[in-house]
Protein backbone atom coordinates (compact mmCIF):
# COMPACT_ATOMS: atom_id res chain seq x y z
CA MET A 1 -14.14 23.36 -11.27
CA LEU A 2 -12.33 20.77 -9.19
CA LEU A 3 -12.72 18.16 -11.92
CA LEU A 4 -11.45 20.57 -14.59
CA ALA A 5 -8.44 21.58 -12.48
CA ALA A 6 -7.57 17.97 -11.68
CA ALA A 7 -7.91 16.94 -15.33
CA ALA A 8 -5.67 19.81 -16.48
CA LEU A 9 -2.98 18.96 -13.93
CA ALA A 10 -3.12 15.27 -14.80
CA GLN A 11 -2.37 16.14 -18.42
CA ASP A 12 0.49 18.45 -17.47
CA ILE A 13 3.06 16.22 -15.76
CA PRO A 14 5.71 15.53 -18.40
CA PHE A 15 8.24 12.80 -17.75
CA GLU A 16 10.79 10.73 -19.61
CA ARG A 17 11.11 6.97 -19.32
CA TYR A 18 13.91 4.68 -20.46
CA GLN A 19 15.56 1.41 -19.50
CA LEU A 20 19.19 0.56 -18.79
CA PRO A 21 20.70 -2.54 -20.46
CA ASN A 22 20.54 -4.35 -17.09
CA GLY A 23 16.75 -3.91 -16.96
CA LEU A 24 16.48 -1.01 -14.51
CA GLN A 25 13.45 1.15 -15.37
CA VAL A 26 14.23 4.88 -15.08
CA ILE A 27 11.62 7.65 -14.98
CA LEU A 28 12.65 11.32 -14.93
CA LEU A 29 10.15 13.94 -13.73
CA GLU A 30 11.65 17.41 -14.15
CA ASP A 31 10.04 20.11 -11.99
CA HIS A 32 11.78 23.38 -11.10
CA ALA A 33 8.95 24.82 -9.00
CA LEU A 34 10.91 24.21 -5.78
CA PRO A 35 14.59 23.59 -4.98
CA GLN A 36 13.94 19.97 -4.13
CA VAL A 37 14.67 16.50 -5.53
CA VAL A 38 13.20 13.06 -4.84
CA VAL A 39 14.71 9.66 -5.51
CA ASP A 40 12.08 6.91 -5.36
CA VAL A 41 13.09 3.26 -5.82
CA TRP A 42 10.30 0.69 -6.24
CA TYR A 43 11.29 -2.97 -5.85
CA ARG A 44 8.67 -5.38 -7.17
CA VAL A 45 8.88 -7.66 -4.16
CA GLY A 46 6.55 -7.81 -1.20
CA SER A 47 5.01 -10.27 1.20
CA LYS A 48 3.38 -12.16 -1.70
CA ASP A 49 6.86 -13.29 -2.77
CA GLU A 50 7.89 -14.80 0.57
CA ALA A 51 8.72 -18.48 0.84
CA PRO A 52 6.56 -20.68 3.08
CA GLY A 53 7.69 -20.37 6.68
CA ARG A 54 9.29 -16.98 6.06
CA SER A 55 6.38 -14.61 6.46
CA GLY A 56 7.32 -11.03 7.29
CA PHE A 57 10.57 -11.32 5.38
CA ALA A 58 9.99 -8.52 2.86
CA HIS A 59 9.14 -6.12 5.69
CA LEU A 60 12.11 -7.31 7.73
CA PHE A 61 14.33 -6.60 4.75
CA GLU A 62 12.98 -3.07 4.50
CA HIS A 63 14.43 -2.50 7.98
CA LEU A 64 17.70 -4.21 7.10
CA MET A 65 18.17 -1.90 4.11
CA PHE A 66 18.98 0.92 6.53
CA MET A 67 21.71 -0.99 8.38
CA GLY A 68 24.56 0.24 6.20
CA THR A 69 27.07 -1.11 3.71
CA ASP A 70 30.85 -1.43 3.72
CA ARG A 71 31.14 1.99 2.08
CA LEU A 72 28.55 3.60 4.35
CA PRO A 73 28.49 1.55 7.57
CA GLY A 74 26.18 1.74 10.57
CA ASN A 75 23.61 4.50 10.39
CA GLY A 76 25.63 6.26 7.72
CA ILE A 77 22.71 6.40 5.30
CA ASP A 78 20.53 8.47 7.62
CA MET A 79 23.41 10.56 8.93
CA THR A 80 24.64 11.46 5.44
CA MET A 81 21.21 12.56 4.27
CA GLU A 82 20.25 14.46 7.40
CA ALA A 83 23.59 16.27 7.62
CA ASN A 84 22.94 17.69 4.16
CA GLY A 85 19.27 18.62 4.59
CA GLY A 86 17.73 15.40 3.33
CA TRP A 87 15.56 12.64 4.75
CA ASN A 88 14.29 9.22 3.77
CA ASN A 89 11.78 6.51 4.56
CA ALA A 90 10.35 3.25 3.22
CA TRP A 91 7.28 1.02 3.33
CA THR A 92 6.37 -2.55 2.46
CA MET A 93 3.11 -4.04 1.20
CA GLU A 94 1.94 -7.28 -0.38
CA ASP A 95 3.20 -6.38 -3.86
CA ALA A 96 6.19 -4.09 -3.40
CA THR A 97 8.80 -2.42 -1.23
CA ASN A 98 9.40 1.29 -1.75
CA TYR A 99 12.37 3.42 -0.65
CA TYR A 100 12.37 7.20 -1.08
CA ASP A 101 14.84 9.99 -0.40
CA VAL A 102 14.14 13.74 -0.37
CA GLY A 103 16.59 16.62 -0.28
CA PRO A 104 17.94 19.80 -1.88
CA PRO A 105 19.19 19.60 -5.48
CA ASN A 106 22.87 19.60 -4.47
CA LEU A 107 22.23 16.31 -2.61
CA LEU A 108 20.91 14.45 -5.67
CA GLU A 109 24.17 12.76 -6.64
CA THR A 110 24.60 11.54 -3.06
CA LEU A 111 21.05 10.17 -2.94
CA LEU A 112 21.55 8.27 -6.18
CA TRP A 113 24.89 6.96 -4.98
CA ILE A 114 23.35 5.69 -1.73
CA GLU A 115 20.59 3.81 -3.56
CA ALA A 116 23.05 2.31 -6.05
CA ASP A 117 25.38 1.31 -3.22
CA ARG A 118 22.54 -0.42 -1.37
CA MET A 119 21.40 -2.23 -4.50
CA GLU A 120 24.93 -3.43 -5.17
CA SER A 121 26.39 -4.32 -1.81
CA LEU A 122 23.99 -4.35 1.12
CA GLY A 123 23.67 -8.13 1.02
CA LYS A 124 27.44 -8.55 1.22
CA ALA A 125 27.59 -6.37 4.34
CA MET A 126 24.80 -8.20 6.18
CA THR A 127 25.77 -9.75 9.52
CA GLN A 128 24.08 -11.85 12.18
CA GLU A 129 24.21 -8.90 14.56
CA LYS A 130 22.28 -6.68 12.14
CA LEU A 131 19.72 -9.41 11.52
CA ASP A 132 19.15 -10.03 15.23
CA LEU A 133 18.75 -6.33 15.94
CA GLN A 134 16.16 -5.65 13.22
CA ARG A 135 14.35 -8.92 13.84
CA ASP A 136 13.66 -7.71 17.38
CA VAL A 137 12.56 -4.31 16.04
CA VAL A 138 10.05 -5.92 13.67
CA ARG A 139 8.71 -8.27 16.36
CA ASN A 140 8.19 -5.27 18.64
CA GLU A 141 6.43 -3.49 15.77
CA ARG A 142 4.06 -6.44 15.49
CA ARG A 143 3.32 -6.20 19.21
CA GLN A 144 2.79 -2.44 19.12
CA SER A 145 0.72 -2.37 15.91
CA TYR A 146 -1.36 -5.52 16.38
CA GLU A 147 -1.07 -7.43 19.62
CA ASP A 148 -1.01 -4.49 22.06
CA THR A 149 -3.16 -2.02 20.09
CA PRO A 150 -6.93 -1.91 20.75
CA TYR A 151 -8.73 -3.97 18.09
CA GLY A 152 -5.37 -4.82 16.48
CA VAL A 153 -5.71 -8.56 17.04
CA GLY A 154 -8.55 -8.63 14.54
CA TRP A 155 -6.20 -7.68 11.73
CA ILE A 156 -4.01 -10.69 12.42
CA GLU A 157 -6.99 -12.82 11.37
CA VAL A 158 -7.67 -11.04 8.08
CA PRO A 159 -5.35 -12.80 5.56
CA GLU A 160 -6.45 -16.33 6.47
CA ALA A 161 -10.09 -15.25 6.61
CA LEU A 162 -9.95 -13.86 3.07
CA TYR A 163 -7.53 -16.12 1.19
CA PRO A 164 -6.99 -19.88 0.90
CA LYS A 165 -3.80 -21.49 2.14
CA GLY A 166 -1.01 -21.11 -0.39
CA HIS A 167 -2.36 -17.88 -1.88
CA PRO A 168 0.27 -15.11 -2.02
CA TYR A 169 -1.91 -12.91 0.23
CA ALA A 170 -2.79 -15.60 2.78
CA HIS A 171 -0.34 -14.27 5.37
CA SER A 172 0.26 -10.84 6.84
CA VAL A 173 2.93 -8.39 5.74
CA ILE A 174 4.24 -8.14 9.32
CA GLY A 175 4.70 -11.93 9.56
CA THR A 176 4.59 -14.21 12.58
CA HIS A 177 7.00 -14.33 15.50
CA GLU A 178 7.84 -17.95 14.66
CA ASP A 179 8.75 -17.18 11.04
CA LEU A 180 10.75 -14.11 11.96
CA GLN A 181 12.68 -16.08 14.57
CA ALA A 182 13.40 -18.81 12.04
CA ALA A 183 15.01 -16.45 9.50
CA THR A 184 18.74 -17.09 9.06
CA LEU A 185 21.55 -14.90 7.82
CA GLN A 186 21.75 -17.00 4.65
CA ASP A 187 18.01 -16.45 4.11
CA VAL A 188 18.66 -12.72 4.16
CA LYS A 189 21.54 -12.90 1.71
CA ASP A 190 19.53 -15.13 -0.63
CA PHE A 191 16.50 -12.83 -0.49
CA PHE A 192 18.63 -9.84 -1.38
CA ALA A 193 20.42 -11.63 -4.21
CA THR A 194 17.10 -12.84 -5.64
CA TRP A 195 14.95 -9.72 -5.57
CA TYR A 196 17.10 -6.62 -5.06
CA VAL A 197 18.40 -6.53 -8.62
CA PRO A 198 18.05 -3.79 -11.25
CA ASN A 199 15.68 -5.77 -13.49
CA ASN A 200 13.23 -6.02 -10.56
CA ALA A 201 13.32 -2.28 -9.78
CA SER A 202 12.10 1.05 -11.05
CA LEU A 203 13.87 4.33 -10.28
CA VAL A 204 12.09 7.69 -10.35
CA VAL A 205 14.12 10.89 -10.13
CA ALA A 206 11.90 13.92 -9.65
CA GLY A 207 12.40 17.62 -9.07
CA ASP A 208 14.90 20.40 -9.75
CA PHE A 209 17.60 18.80 -11.93
CA GLN A 210 19.01 18.78 -15.45
CA PRO A 211 18.06 15.56 -17.28
CA ALA A 212 21.36 15.17 -19.15
CA GLN A 213 23.35 15.29 -15.92
CA VAL A 214 21.03 12.84 -14.17
CA LYS A 215 21.13 10.38 -17.06
CA ALA A 216 24.91 10.37 -16.89
CA LEU A 217 24.80 9.80 -13.13
CA VAL A 218 22.26 6.99 -13.35
CA ASP A 219 24.29 5.24 -16.04
CA LYS A 220 27.51 5.64 -14.04
CA LEU A 221 26.07 4.48 -10.71
CA PHE A 222 23.54 1.83 -11.75
CA GLY A 223 24.56 0.77 -15.24
CA HIS A 224 27.24 -1.71 -14.17
CA LEU A 225 25.04 -3.60 -11.69
CA PRO A 226 24.25 -7.11 -12.96
CA SER A 227 20.74 -8.32 -13.60
CA ARG A 228 19.48 -11.73 -12.51
CA GLU A 229 16.80 -14.08 -13.76
CA LEU A 230 13.78 -13.69 -11.51
CA PRO A 231 11.82 -16.62 -10.07
CA ALA A 232 8.55 -17.51 -11.76
CA ARG A 233 5.54 -15.81 -10.19
CA PRO A 234 2.39 -17.52 -11.46
CA THR A 235 -0.82 -15.54 -11.17
CA PRO A 236 -3.08 -17.12 -8.54
CA VAL A 237 -6.68 -18.10 -9.24
CA PRO A 238 -8.93 -15.11 -8.46
CA VAL A 239 -10.61 -15.29 -5.06
CA THR A 240 -14.20 -14.04 -4.80
CA THR A 241 -15.50 -15.65 -1.62
CA PRO A 242 -14.11 -15.58 1.93
CA GLN A 243 -12.40 -18.59 3.44
CA LYS A 244 -13.94 -17.81 6.82
CA ALA A 245 -17.34 -16.15 6.80
CA ARG A 246 -17.13 -15.28 10.48
CA VAL A 247 -14.38 -14.90 13.07
CA GLU A 248 -14.80 -13.75 16.67
CA VAL A 249 -11.85 -12.70 18.82
CA ARG A 250 -11.48 -11.22 22.29
CA ASP A 251 -9.39 -8.17 23.04
CA GLN A 252 -8.79 -5.69 25.85
CA VAL A 253 -11.37 -3.21 24.56
CA GLN A 254 -14.47 -1.64 26.05
CA TYR A 255 -16.84 -1.79 23.08
CA PRO A 256 -17.42 -4.41 20.37
CA GLN A 257 -16.25 -3.72 16.85
CA VAL A 258 -17.62 -5.19 13.61
CA ASN A 259 -15.31 -5.50 10.59
CA LEU A 260 -16.58 -6.57 7.17
CA PHE A 261 -14.19 -7.51 4.36
CA PHE A 262 -15.20 -7.99 0.72
CA HIS A 263 -13.15 -9.17 -2.25
CA THR A 264 -13.10 -6.47 -4.95
CA PRO A 265 -11.28 -6.03 -8.30
CA GLY A 266 -7.50 -5.65 -8.31
CA ALA A 267 -5.71 -2.31 -8.40
CA PHE A 268 -6.62 -0.31 -11.54
CA ALA A 269 -8.80 -3.15 -12.88
CA PRO A 270 -12.36 -2.47 -14.08
CA GLY A 271 -14.58 -1.92 -11.05
CA ASP A 272 -11.73 -0.84 -8.77
CA ALA A 273 -12.55 2.88 -9.02
CA GLU A 274 -16.25 2.20 -8.44
CA ALA A 275 -15.43 0.19 -5.32
CA ASP A 276 -13.26 3.08 -4.11
CA LEU A 277 -16.13 5.50 -4.63
CA ILE A 278 -18.51 3.13 -2.84
CA ALA A 279 -16.24 3.21 0.21
CA ASP A 280 -16.50 7.02 0.21
CA LEU A 281 -20.26 6.85 -0.32
CA LEU A 282 -20.58 4.59 2.70
CA ALA A 283 -18.36 6.30 5.23
CA SER A 284 -16.60 9.48 4.05
CA GLY A 285 -17.95 12.46 5.96
CA GLU A 286 -21.09 13.17 7.94
CA SER A 287 -23.29 12.96 4.84
CA SER A 288 -22.19 9.40 4.06
CA ARG A 289 -24.72 6.61 4.34
CA LEU A 290 -23.22 4.60 7.17
CA TYR A 291 -22.38 7.71 9.19
CA ARG A 292 -26.02 8.78 9.02
CA SER A 293 -27.47 5.37 9.78
CA LEU A 294 -24.94 4.18 12.37
CA VAL A 295 -23.37 7.20 14.09
CA LEU A 296 -26.26 9.65 13.87
CA GLY A 297 -28.61 6.70 14.43
CA GLY A 298 -26.95 5.99 17.77
CA LEU A 299 -25.62 2.52 16.92
CA ALA A 300 -21.92 3.29 16.47
CA GLN A 301 -19.31 5.65 17.86
CA GLU A 302 -17.47 5.74 14.57
CA VAL A 303 -17.45 4.06 11.17
CA GLU A 304 -15.01 4.01 8.28
CA ALA A 305 -14.76 2.29 4.92
CA TYR A 306 -11.90 2.10 2.46
CA GLN A 307 -10.44 0.08 -0.36
CA MET A 308 -7.14 -1.84 0.00
CA PRO A 309 -5.89 -2.17 -3.62
CA THR A 310 -3.49 -4.97 -4.50
CA GLN A 311 -2.39 -6.70 -7.69
CA TYR A 312 -4.25 -10.00 -7.44
CA GLY A 313 -7.48 -8.58 -6.08
CA SER A 314 -8.36 -5.88 -3.58
CA ALA A 315 -10.48 -5.77 -0.43
CA LEU A 316 -13.10 -3.26 0.63
CA VAL A 317 -13.18 -2.83 4.41
CA ILE A 318 -15.96 -1.54 6.65
CA VAL A 319 -15.14 -0.94 10.33
CA ALA A 320 -17.76 0.09 12.90
CA THR A 321 -17.26 0.44 16.66
CA ALA A 322 -20.47 -0.06 18.65
CA ASN A 323 -21.94 2.39 21.09
CA GLU A 324 -22.39 1.29 24.67
CA GLY A 325 -25.17 -1.25 24.98
CA VAL A 326 -25.41 -1.95 21.22
CA ALA A 327 -25.01 -5.61 20.35
CA PRO A 328 -22.62 -6.44 17.48
CA ALA A 329 -25.39 -8.35 15.70
CA ARG A 330 -27.56 -5.23 15.60
CA LEU A 331 -24.69 -3.13 14.25
CA GLU A 332 -23.84 -5.73 11.61
CA ALA A 333 -27.48 -6.00 10.52
CA ALA A 334 -27.64 -2.24 9.96
CA ILE A 335 -24.50 -2.35 7.79
CA ARG A 336 -25.83 -5.22 5.74
CA GLU A 337 -29.11 -3.38 5.23
CA GLU A 338 -27.28 -0.41 3.71
CA LEU A 339 -25.29 -2.70 1.42
CA VAL A 340 -28.40 -4.45 0.15
CA ALA A 341 -30.07 -1.10 -0.56
CA LEU A 342 -27.00 0.13 -2.45
CA GLY A 343 -26.94 -2.99 -4.59
CA LYS A 344 -30.59 -2.41 -5.54
CA THR A 345 -30.75 1.32 -6.26
CA GLY A 346 -27.22 2.75 -6.39
CA PRO A 347 -26.29 6.33 -5.43
CA GLY A 348 -28.44 9.34 -6.26
CA ALA A 349 -27.46 12.33 -8.42
CA ALA A 350 -26.45 14.51 -5.47
CA GLU A 351 -24.34 11.70 -4.05
CA MET A 352 -22.58 11.18 -7.39
CA GLU A 353 -21.72 14.88 -7.64
CA ARG A 354 -20.32 14.88 -4.11
CA LEU A 355 -18.30 11.71 -4.70
CA LYS A 356 -16.74 13.00 -7.91
CA ASN A 357 -15.81 16.32 -6.30
CA GLN A 358 -14.26 14.47 -3.36
CA ALA A 359 -12.31 12.26 -5.75
CA ALA A 360 -11.02 15.27 -7.70
CA TYR A 361 -9.96 17.04 -4.51
CA ALA A 362 -8.20 13.91 -3.24
CA PHE A 363 -6.44 13.57 -6.58
CA LEU A 364 -5.21 17.17 -6.51
CA ALA A 365 -4.07 16.87 -2.90
CA ARG A 366 -2.25 13.65 -3.65
CA ILE A 367 -0.22 14.81 -6.62
CA GLU A 368 0.70 18.24 -5.28
CA PRO A 369 3.70 17.03 -3.18
CA LEU A 370 6.66 16.09 -5.37
CA ARG A 371 7.35 12.92 -3.41
CA GLU A 372 3.79 11.71 -3.89
CA ARG A 373 4.01 12.31 -7.64
CA ALA A 374 7.27 10.38 -7.84
CA GLU A 375 5.81 7.41 -6.00
CA LEU A 376 2.64 7.53 -8.09
CA LEU A 377 4.62 7.22 -11.34
CA ASN A 378 6.36 4.16 -9.93
CA ARG A 379 3.04 2.72 -8.80
CA TYR A 380 1.47 3.21 -12.22
CA ALA A 381 4.47 1.62 -13.91
CA ALA A 382 4.33 -1.39 -11.59
CA TYR A 383 0.59 -2.05 -11.80
CA THR A 384 -0.26 -0.97 -15.34
CA GLY A 385 3.08 -1.13 -17.14
CA ASP A 386 2.81 2.57 -18.01
CA PRO A 387 3.70 5.50 -15.72
CA ASN A 388 1.61 7.76 -17.97
CA TRP A 389 -1.60 6.89 -16.15
CA LEU A 390 -2.43 10.08 -14.30
CA ALA A 391 -5.14 11.26 -16.68
CA ARG A 392 -6.56 7.77 -17.11
CA ASP A 393 -6.63 7.30 -13.35
CA LEU A 394 -8.67 10.45 -12.83
CA ALA A 395 -10.95 9.54 -15.75
CA ARG A 396 -11.94 6.32 -13.97
CA TYR A 397 -13.61 8.43 -11.30
CA GLN A 398 -14.94 11.13 -13.62
CA ASP A 399 -16.59 8.54 -15.85
CA ALA A 400 -18.11 6.44 -13.07
CA THR A 401 -21.90 6.16 -13.19
CA ALA A 402 -24.55 5.47 -10.59
CA GLU A 403 -25.53 2.31 -12.44
CA GLY A 404 -21.91 1.15 -12.58
CA MET A 405 -21.55 1.63 -8.84
CA ARG A 406 -24.82 -0.18 -8.20
CA ALA A 407 -23.61 -3.11 -10.31
CA VAL A 408 -20.28 -3.29 -8.49
CA ALA A 409 -22.06 -3.14 -5.12
CA ALA A 410 -24.45 -5.88 -6.15
CA GLN A 411 -21.66 -8.13 -7.44
CA TYR A 412 -18.96 -7.64 -4.83
CA LEU A 413 -20.67 -6.29 -1.70
CA ASP A 414 -23.35 -8.92 -1.34
CA PRO A 415 -23.51 -9.42 2.45
CA ASN A 416 -23.32 -13.18 1.85
CA LEU A 417 -19.82 -12.66 0.41
CA ALA A 418 -18.46 -10.87 3.49
CA SER A 419 -15.81 -12.10 5.84
CA THR A 420 -16.96 -10.69 9.17
CA ILE A 421 -14.48 -10.30 12.02
CA VAL A 422 -16.08 -9.31 15.31
CA ILE A 423 -13.86 -8.09 18.14
CA LEU A 424 -15.44 -8.48 21.56
CA PRO A 425 -14.33 -7.20 24.96
CA GLU A 426 -12.56 -9.76 27.08
CA GLU A 427 -14.87 -11.62 29.41
CA GLN A 428 -14.93 -10.32 32.96
CA LYS A 429 -13.06 -12.58 35.35
């Protein structure tokens, strides 16, 4: 029933897509179920597009985008939305930066105006004071999320452990303190002028609106913005093996933690859905394989596995925190044993049924909120070239087979292909 309901809903999300003469992609998703609208702007620029010595710049710019323009200075963006019942947020990843605004239908024109104003003039309003303020905010975020968070230091090691020097993913999204400190005001202005242009963006308007009115607004607010030739972005050579097979770091933690990273197919590529299902098979719920063997077996306090999908290749992550007295080597050996078994026999029939039901439920839960649907259309457009990918996305999971999952596990999750990062408690002084 879950699969049938998810399939029916995936087929029943009508939208309209068109392009302005300046290259801006526009997607309209009309939905009158609730008095709500969403404006979701997807810029195809992330940490993979940063210049050498300027790591963390895309994420820094996400923060700077809320620092106001000449027409809406200071914290005017947040204040204007919140005073009228709206809210907003943003996130940055390796491949993209996404800004979204949510509010009642009467706020839609204001939301569109704010995004058009930022796209047109935020770079002109940038100052050294704004840069210094947000640079400190981002550096504190790095401290809070990585350096001062238990087990966080291990994640600082991940990009260089997985990717060779010069690869677009060989540095972290958060960046280094040195690179963030080195960023200049002119760097900020150049970054904005290069990437924050209509022909590098996709705009989704979703919710309770009349398409004719929105089209007129989009043309009026965004149509006059000039496009710009984008820098060349050559596709890197696919990476299938880790650069560092093993890394050990010390942290202020009580118990060791074992992290295994595997290169897997890129987002929406063949094998990506199977790898996603494998992550659920390994560590989603108390019936998952690693939960039974590690947690119920007394080796680990907790275990999780998930897929990190990106354009030029994804990564499947397994994280296990040891129980007291359990050596990391013993915990790692147990994980590797499960991976070898999966590559030989694949999941059973009961496991496949559970995995497909979980995938259908997750799909339904994901596309129920209007904001999530809006972002998903932008994501499909960016990664596949076609926002009409809802049904095909679900079909990847519906059509997965036990043999296909076994083959993906055997090819990509060979323990010899893992980059293992072990986090150990600091030595007693």
